[in-house]
Amino acid sequence: MILDQRLEQLASPGGVVVQDAVSETVPSRLAFAYESLGEHQLKGFEKPVCAFAAMLEAGAQVPKPEGGVSSTGASERADHAQQRSGTLEIPEKPSVAVLPFANMNQDSDREYFSDCITEDITTELQRFRDLFVIARNSSFTYKGKSVKVQDLAPDHGVRYVVEGSVRSAGQRIRITAQLIDAETGHHIWAERYDRNLTDLFIVQDEITQTVAATVAGQVTSSAQSSAARKRPEDLDAYDHLLRGQGIVSDTVENNRRAHEEYRNALNIDPQSARGYAGLAMCELVVMVNHWETSDDRALNDGLRYAKKAVALDHNDSCSQFLLGYLLQTAGRMDEAKTHLERAITRNPNDADSLAGMGTYLHRRGDPESAIEHHIRAVRLNPYHPVWYLWHLGLAYYSARRYEQALETLREAISRHPTFMFPRRALAATLAQLGRTGEARAIVEQIIADQPDTCISQGDVYAIGRDAGSAAWSAHWVDGLRKAGLPK
């Protein structure tokens, strides 16, 4: 059954796909759950339509319309699966349920706020297309009840549970949140947020975004560890993607292995946008580290893979980000901006997209705005990759905030000692501070590791191929020259 024929192409055989408006207006007493399928451009609609796959919750009876004809599609499949095992199967993608946050004040005036926090975190998590998030209709059936999280795994087919509480006193509010493995009951992550209630909506937005981004990162990290422990014969397409993500930016050998994992995923699922996005990331890493004589091959292949990923799923923020990032490296700045903006629009909590926009703004000559984007990306992703720090350090350098650049770049190097660009940037920063002896010592080590290194090598990547980058390019080259790097 399809509620709109224009959504039919999005449904699995016999499945049910509805618009967001339908999912929100179905009475909560009807035991349907919804999985977000993202936004899709449909004929007859001016704006993209949010689509949801509908399914019957475990233990529920199939609603019967007048005449006694039972519903078909996802409901029957859910019943069939339940008859086989008595439980709902865990989806291939990491699955999350957000339980209603508890109002610890026993104050009905604050009840709406704890409910809003729960709903907003659920909505923001649904923006992450590699997560399966249980709809609020299902989660709110547990409101006010004592829940054993291990029971949620069979009842709702989820692996992870988010729960928390809200407590206020005067003009202060405390919100706690924790992520639990529903199969084992083990706590994966927990955090406490203490804020002033000067503007309740600002506090709500800040905490919602931070919790959603952190939970998404923790869930992905946990899923990667699980996939890495599986036997090769047990891996499915998504497991290969997770294994690739876990090793892509490390060494030449690991990057090659990541490339193989993404290829394996595509062999199983040739229409996987994330598979092609992974290949694009592999090529970007090759280019960043100069593992080949010329960057052109990696850049061209990376662009080709990223374009394929976007063509397969234009709503995937990861694919949009990678295409935008590669386009700015190629000097195609207007196109790059378009795709980076699309990435942020599709998922404002995607830290990679925010950091990518930061590099764009830096290359466009606005290091202060770039710094703001990079800092927000770091806050949204407490387990951020090292390239966030490298680009934040470069932005500090361009803004002449050398002491902050020094601290940031040293942290980047401590996490990835062999990464060439933070070391070059550190040498340039020390030189601008007049600490030429320390700068030259770093340059000597760089040349010892890579004898053919020079000022021009890699600056196309660091600065971009955009003529508008010339102003801060001269400042960058001046620092490298003072540090003693050969021309």
Foldseek 3Di string as FASTA:
>chain_A
DEPDVQCVVVADVLWYKDFPVVVVPDDLVQQKKWWWPAWDDTPPDPDTTTMITIAGFQPDDFDADPPRDTRIGRDVVQVVVCVVPVFDAADPFAEEEEAQEAEPVPDPVCSVVSNVLSQLLQVQLSLQVRYGYIHPSNRDVCPPHDDQLLVCCRRGVHQKYKYWYWYDDDQKIKIKIWMAGNNPRDTQDIDMDIDGVPDVVVVSVVVSLQVNLAVVVSSLVVLLVVLVPDDPVPDALVSLLSVLVVQCQADPVSVVSSLVSLVVSCVRPVLALSSLLSLLSNLVSCLQQVVDVDSVVSLVSSLVSLVSSCVSPVLNLSSLLSNLLSCQLQQVLVSSVVSLVSSCVSRVSQLSSLQSVLLSCVLLPNLVSSLVSLVVSCSSHVPDQLVSLLSNLVSCVLVVVLVVSLVSLVVSCVVPVSRPRSLLSNLLSCLVVVNLVVSLVSLVVSCVVPVPDALPPSVSRSNPPHPSNVVSSVSSSVSSVSNPGHD
